[in-house]
Amino acid sequence: MAGCGDVGLDRDLLTQPDVKHLLLIGAYRENEVGPAHPLMSKLEAIRRSGVMLQEIALAPLTREDMEQLIATSVHCEPDQTRASQNGT
């Protein structure tokens, strides 16, 4: 879900009976979005409307995850990105 202003549109799309298949992917940091945040109330309203929401909590990326991400992005092996980080 984009910004909080866009969540109303998302909710409208999700609750339309003629919309059979819709995939929305959103991300937020739990430590930055508390219970009083507008996004949380919008998500709760969507749940109450009977729409199935699936949430996936992800763990922080490890150093190895980041090395692999960088290596994949620049088309090289992780050991080559490690050498760059160490200045060698």
Protein backbone atom coordinates (compact mmCIF):
# COMPACT_ATOMS: atom_id res chain seq x y z
CA MET A 1 0.00 0.00 0.00
CA ALA A 2 1.38 3.35 -0.93
CA GLY A 3 0.88 6.35 1.31
CA CYS A 4 -1.89 6.60 3.89
CA GLY A 5 -3.94 8.74 1.50
CA ASP A 6 -3.99 5.85 -0.96
CA VAL A 7 -5.21 3.28 1.56
CA GLY A 8 -8.85 4.39 1.13
CA LEU A 9 -8.65 3.54 -2.55
CA ASP A 10 -7.09 0.18 -1.72
CA ARG A 11 -9.87 -0.57 0.74
CA ASP A 12 -12.48 0.35 -1.85
CA LEU A 13 -10.87 -2.00 -4.36
CA LEU A 14 -10.62 -4.80 -1.80
CA THR A 15 -14.26 -4.61 -0.78
CA GLN A 16 -15.84 -4.53 -4.24
CA PRO A 17 -17.77 -7.79 -4.80
CA ASP A 18 -16.85 -7.97 -8.49
CA VAL A 19 -13.09 -7.86 -7.76
CA LYS A 20 -12.16 -11.53 -7.48
CA HIS A 21 -8.37 -11.46 -7.49
CA LEU A 22 -6.17 -8.62 -6.36
CA LEU A 23 -2.66 -8.74 -4.95
CA LEU A 24 -1.34 -5.76 -3.04
CA ILE A 25 2.05 -5.80 -1.41
CA GLY A 26 2.92 -3.28 1.26
CA ALA A 27 5.73 -2.85 3.72
CA TYR A 28 6.17 -0.98 6.97
CA ARG A 29 8.39 -1.13 10.03
CA GLU A 30 6.48 -2.24 13.11
CA ASN A 31 8.60 -0.02 15.33
CA GLU A 32 7.59 3.02 13.23
CA VAL A 33 3.85 2.31 12.89
CA GLY A 34 2.02 2.14 16.21
CA PRO A 35 -1.62 1.23 16.92
CA ALA A 36 -2.73 4.86 16.49
CA HIS A 37 -1.18 5.16 13.02
CA PRO A 38 -3.78 5.67 10.22
CA LEU A 39 -2.44 2.61 8.38
CA MET A 40 -3.33 0.34 11.31
CA SER A 41 -6.93 1.60 11.44
CA LYS A 42 -7.26 1.15 7.67
CA LEU A 43 -5.93 -2.41 7.86
CA GLU A 44 -8.35 -3.18 10.68
CA ALA A 45 -11.26 -1.81 8.64
CA ILE A 46 -10.24 -4.01 5.73
CA ARG A 47 -10.11 -7.05 8.02
CA ARG A 48 -13.56 -6.23 9.43
CA SER A 49 -14.96 -6.08 5.91
CA GLY A 50 -14.13 -9.77 5.53
CA VAL A 51 -11.24 -9.40 3.11
CA MET A 52 -8.49 -11.95 3.67
CA LEU A 53 -5.21 -10.29 4.58
CA GLN A 54 -2.02 -12.23 4.96
CA GLU A 55 0.83 -10.65 6.83
CA ILE A 56 4.39 -11.88 6.73
CA ALA A 57 6.82 -10.67 9.39
CA LEU A 58 10.37 -10.59 8.11
CA ALA A 59 13.49 -10.73 10.24
CA PRO A 60 16.20 -8.12 9.73
CA LEU A 61 18.65 -8.88 6.95
CA THR A 62 21.95 -10.39 8.04
CA ARG A 63 25.34 -9.29 6.75
CA GLU A 64 25.37 -12.40 4.55
CA ASP A 65 21.92 -11.48 3.16
CA MET A 66 23.19 -8.01 2.27
CA GLU A 67 26.34 -9.42 0.67
CA GLN A 68 24.23 -11.74 -1.46
CA LEU A 69 21.84 -8.94 -2.40
CA ILE A 70 24.71 -6.68 -3.46
CA ALA A 71 26.47 -9.50 -5.32
CA THR A 72 23.31 -10.39 -7.21
CA SER A 73 22.68 -6.73 -8.05
CA VAL A 74 26.15 -6.24 -9.53
CA HIS A 75 26.39 -9.74 -11.05
CA CYS A 76 29.32 -11.06 -9.08
CA GLU A 77 30.07 -13.50 -6.28
CA PRO A 78 29.57 -12.53 -2.61
CA ASP A 79 33.30 -12.93 -1.89
CA GLN A 80 34.00 -10.19 -4.45
CA THR A 81 31.66 -7.79 -2.64
CA ARG A 82 33.35 -8.63 0.66
CA ALA A 83 36.72 -7.67 -0.84
CA SER A 84 35.27 -4.32 -1.94
CA GLN A 85 33.93 -3.65 1.54
CA ASN A 86 37.34 -4.33 3.08
CA GLY A 87 39.09 -2.01 0.62
CA THR A 88 41.11 -4.81 -1.01
